[in-house]
Amino acid sequence: MINNAELFFKIITTTGTFFLAYHKYTLSLLDKKIDKREGEKERIFAEKFRIENIKTLTEGISRIEERMTRIEEYLMKH
């Protein structure tokens, strides 16, 4: 027959193992959620960066077109 102390020890270790496994499982879920959140932040940053680059390029092209128009007008007059 199993000793009371041995039975108590088995119950405690089994319960402790269960809680440790559950703790690791919840941490892994939390890490996934954090990774997803960070990935979302990176995606938003990349989108803002892309939009800003498009604005800069559009403004640059507009300035070039204005200069070309002035050069054409100058050349037509002279």
N, C-alpha and C. Protein backbone atom coordinates (compact mmCIF):
# COMPACT_ATOMS: atom_id res chain seq x y z
N MET A 1 0.84 -1.18 0.00
CA MET A 1 0.00 0.00 0.00
C MET A 1 0.89 1.24 0.00
N ILE A 2 0.38 2.28 -0.66
CA ILE A 2 1.15 3.51 -0.82
C ILE A 2 1.11 4.30 0.49
N ASN A 3 2.26 4.78 0.84
CA ASN A 3 2.42 5.58 2.04
C ASN A 3 1.69 6.91 1.84
N ASN A 4 1.13 7.49 2.91
CA ASN A 4 0.43 8.76 2.82
C ASN A 4 1.34 9.88 2.34
N ALA A 5 2.55 9.91 2.79
CA ALA A 5 3.50 10.94 2.37
C ALA A 5 3.82 10.81 0.88
N GLU A 6 3.95 9.55 0.42
CA GLU A 6 4.24 9.32 -0.99
C GLU A 6 3.05 9.76 -1.86
N LEU A 7 1.84 9.45 -1.42
CA LEU A 7 0.63 9.86 -2.15
C LEU A 7 0.51 11.38 -2.18
N PHE A 8 0.76 12.01 -1.05
CA PHE A 8 0.73 13.47 -0.97
C PHE A 8 1.76 14.08 -1.93
N PHE A 9 2.98 13.51 -1.95
CA PHE A 9 4.03 13.99 -2.83
C PHE A 9 3.62 13.85 -4.30
N LYS A 10 3.02 12.72 -4.68
CA LYS A 10 2.58 12.50 -6.06
C LYS A 10 1.50 13.50 -6.46
N ILE A 11 0.57 13.74 -5.56
CA ILE A 11 -0.51 14.69 -5.85
C ILE A 11 0.06 16.09 -6.04
N ILE A 12 0.96 16.50 -5.15
CA ILE A 12 1.56 17.83 -5.23
C ILE A 12 2.37 17.98 -6.52
N THR A 13 3.19 16.98 -6.87
CA THR A 13 4.01 17.09 -8.09
C THR A 13 3.15 17.08 -9.34
N THR A 14 2.10 16.29 -9.36
CA THR A 14 1.20 16.26 -10.52
C THR A 14 0.50 17.61 -10.68
N THR A 15 0.00 18.15 -9.58
CA THR A 15 -0.66 19.45 -9.61
C THR A 15 0.32 20.55 -10.04
N GLY A 16 1.52 20.51 -9.48
CA GLY A 16 2.55 21.50 -9.85
C GLY A 16 2.91 21.40 -11.33
N THR A 17 3.05 20.19 -11.84
CA THR A 17 3.36 19.99 -13.25
C THR A 17 2.24 20.54 -14.13
N PHE A 18 0.99 20.28 -13.73
CA PHE A 18 -0.15 20.81 -14.48
C PHE A 18 -0.11 22.33 -14.53
N PHE A 19 0.10 22.97 -13.39
CA PHE A 19 0.14 24.43 -13.36
C PHE A 19 1.32 24.99 -14.16
N LEU A 20 2.45 24.32 -14.12
CA LEU A 20 3.61 24.75 -14.90
C LEU A 20 3.31 24.66 -16.40
N ALA A 21 2.71 23.56 -16.82
CA ALA A 21 2.36 23.39 -18.23
C ALA A 21 1.34 24.45 -18.65
N TYR A 22 0.35 24.69 -17.82
CA TYR A 22 -0.66 25.70 -18.13
C TYR A 22 -0.03 27.09 -18.21
N HIS A 23 0.90 27.37 -17.31
CA HIS A 23 1.59 28.66 -17.31
C HIS A 23 2.38 28.85 -18.61
N LYS A 24 3.10 27.81 -19.03
CA LYS A 24 3.86 27.89 -20.28
C LYS A 24 2.92 28.08 -21.47
N TYR A 25 1.78 27.39 -21.44
CA TYR A 25 0.79 27.52 -22.52
C TYR A 25 0.25 28.95 -22.59
N THR A 26 -0.10 29.53 -21.47
CA THR A 26 -0.63 30.90 -21.48
C THR A 26 0.45 31.89 -21.90
N LEU A 27 1.70 31.67 -21.51
CA LEU A 27 2.79 32.54 -21.96
C LEU A 27 2.98 32.46 -23.47
N SER A 28 2.85 31.27 -24.03
CA SER A 28 3.00 31.13 -25.48
C SER A 28 1.86 31.87 -26.20
N LEU A 29 0.65 31.80 -25.65
CA LEU A 29 -0.46 32.55 -26.25
C LEU A 29 -0.22 34.05 -26.15
N LEU A 30 0.30 34.50 -25.03
CA LEU A 30 0.61 35.91 -24.84
C LEU A 30 1.69 36.36 -25.82
N ASP A 31 2.72 35.53 -26.01
CA ASP A 31 3.78 35.86 -26.97
C ASP A 31 3.23 35.98 -28.38
N LYS A 32 2.34 35.08 -28.75
CA LYS A 32 1.72 35.15 -30.08
C LYS A 32 0.94 36.44 -30.24
N LYS A 33 0.21 36.82 -29.19
CA LYS A 33 -0.59 38.04 -29.24
C LYS A 33 0.33 39.26 -29.34
N ILE A 34 1.43 39.26 -28.59
CA ILE A 34 2.38 40.38 -28.64
C ILE A 34 3.03 40.44 -30.02
N ASP A 35 3.43 39.28 -30.56
CA ASP A 35 4.02 39.24 -31.90
C ASP A 35 3.04 39.77 -32.94
N LYS A 36 1.79 39.39 -32.79
CA LYS A 36 0.77 39.85 -33.73
C LYS A 36 0.61 41.36 -33.63
N ARG A 37 0.60 41.88 -32.40
CA ARG A 37 0.46 43.31 -32.18
C ARG A 37 1.66 44.06 -32.76
N GLU A 38 2.88 43.54 -32.54
CA GLU A 38 4.07 44.18 -33.08
C GLU A 38 4.08 44.10 -34.59
N GLY A 39 3.64 42.98 -35.14
CA GLY A 39 3.54 42.86 -36.59
C GLY A 39 2.57 43.87 -37.17
N GLU A 40 1.48 44.08 -36.46
CA GLU A 40 0.48 45.07 -36.90
C GLU A 40 1.07 46.47 -36.85
N LYS A 41 1.85 46.77 -35.80
CA LYS A 41 2.49 48.08 -35.69
C LYS A 41 3.47 48.29 -36.84
N GLU A 42 4.25 47.24 -37.15
CA GLU A 42 5.20 47.34 -38.26
C GLU A 42 4.49 47.55 -39.58
N ARG A 43 3.37 46.86 -39.77
CA ARG A 43 2.60 47.00 -41.01
C ARG A 43 2.06 48.42 -41.13
N ILE A 44 1.56 48.97 -40.04
CA ILE A 44 1.02 50.34 -40.05
C ILE A 44 2.14 51.33 -40.34
N PHE A 45 3.30 51.12 -39.71
CA PHE A 45 4.44 52.01 -39.96
C PHE A 45 4.87 51.94 -41.42
N ALA A 46 4.95 50.73 -41.97
CA ALA A 46 5.34 50.56 -43.37
C ALA A 46 4.34 51.24 -44.30
N GLU A 47 3.07 51.14 -43.97
CA GLU A 47 2.02 51.78 -44.78
C GLU A 47 2.16 53.30 -44.74
N LYS A 48 2.38 53.85 -43.55
CA LYS A 48 2.57 55.30 -43.42
C LYS A 48 3.82 55.75 -44.16
N PHE A 49 4.89 54.96 -44.06
CA PHE A 49 6.14 55.28 -44.75
C PHE A 49 5.93 55.26 -46.26
N ARG A 50 5.19 54.28 -46.76
CA ARG A 50 4.91 54.17 -48.20
C ARG A 50 4.08 55.37 -48.66
N ILE A 51 3.08 55.73 -47.89
CA ILE A 51 2.23 56.88 -48.25
C ILE A 51 3.06 58.16 -48.27
N GLU A 52 3.94 58.31 -47.29
CA GLU A 52 4.80 59.51 -47.24
C GLU A 52 5.75 59.54 -48.43
N ASN A 53 6.28 58.39 -48.81
CA ASN A 53 7.15 58.33 -49.99
C ASN A 53 6.38 58.70 -51.26
N ILE A 54 5.17 58.23 -51.38
CA ILE A 54 4.35 58.56 -52.56
C ILE A 54 4.09 60.05 -52.60
N LYS A 55 3.77 60.66 -51.45
CA LYS A 55 3.54 62.11 -51.40
C LYS A 55 4.79 62.87 -51.83
N THR A 56 5.94 62.44 -51.31
CA THR A 56 7.20 63.11 -51.64
C THR A 56 7.49 63.00 -53.14
N LEU A 57 7.31 61.82 -53.70
CA LEU A 57 7.54 61.63 -55.12
C LEU A 57 6.58 62.47 -55.96
N THR A 58 5.32 62.51 -55.56
CA THR A 58 4.33 63.30 -56.29
C THR A 58 4.69 64.78 -56.25
N GLU A 59 5.09 65.27 -55.09
CA GLU A 59 5.49 66.67 -54.98
C GLU A 59 6.71 66.96 -55.84
N GLY A 60 7.67 66.04 -55.84
CA GLY A 60 8.87 66.21 -56.65
C GLY A 60 8.55 66.25 -58.13
N ILE A 61 7.68 65.37 -58.56
CA ILE A 61 7.27 65.34 -59.97
C ILE A 61 6.55 66.63 -60.33
N SER A 62 5.70 67.13 -59.45
CA SER A 62 4.99 68.39 -59.71
C SER A 62 5.98 69.54 -59.87
N ARG A 63 6.99 69.61 -59.00
CA ARG A 63 7.98 70.67 -59.11
C ARG A 63 8.76 70.57 -60.42
N ILE A 64 9.10 69.35 -60.81
CA ILE A 64 9.81 69.15 -62.07
C ILE A 64 8.94 69.59 -63.25
N GLU A 65 7.66 69.26 -63.22
CA GLU A 65 6.76 69.67 -64.30
C GLU A 65 6.65 71.19 -64.37
N GLU A 66 6.58 71.85 -63.21
CA GLU A 66 6.51 73.32 -63.20
C GLU A 66 7.77 73.91 -63.81
N ARG A 67 8.93 73.38 -63.44
CA ARG A 67 10.19 73.87 -63.99
C ARG A 67 10.26 73.65 -65.50
N MET A 68 9.83 72.47 -65.93
CA MET A 68 9.84 72.18 -67.37
C MET A 68 8.93 73.15 -68.12
N THR A 69 7.77 73.45 -67.52
CA THR A 69 6.83 74.39 -68.15
C THR A 69 7.49 75.76 -68.27
N ARG A 70 8.16 76.23 -67.22
CA ARG A 70 8.83 77.53 -67.27
C ARG A 70 9.96 77.53 -68.30
N ILE A 71 10.70 76.43 -68.38
CA ILE A 71 11.79 76.34 -69.36
C ILE A 71 11.22 76.37 -70.78
N GLU A 72 10.13 75.63 -71.01
CA GLU A 72 9.50 75.62 -72.33
C GLU A 72 9.01 77.02 -72.70
N GLU A 73 8.38 77.69 -71.73
CA GLU A 73 7.90 79.06 -72.01
C GLU A 73 9.07 79.99 -72.31
N TYR A 74 10.15 79.88 -71.58
CA TYR A 74 11.33 80.72 -71.81
C TYR A 74 11.91 80.45 -73.20
N LEU A 75 12.02 79.14 -73.56
CA LEU A 75 12.57 78.80 -74.85
C LEU A 75 11.67 79.26 -76.01
N MET A 76 10.39 79.24 -75.80
CA MET A 76 9.44 79.68 -76.84
C MET A 76 9.54 81.19 -77.06
N LYS A 77 9.82 81.95 -75.98
CA LYS A 77 9.89 83.38 -76.10
C LYS A 77 11.21 83.81 -76.76
N HIS A 78 12.27 83.05 -76.58
CA HIS A 78 13.57 83.45 -77.11
C HIS A 78 13.97 82.63 -78.27
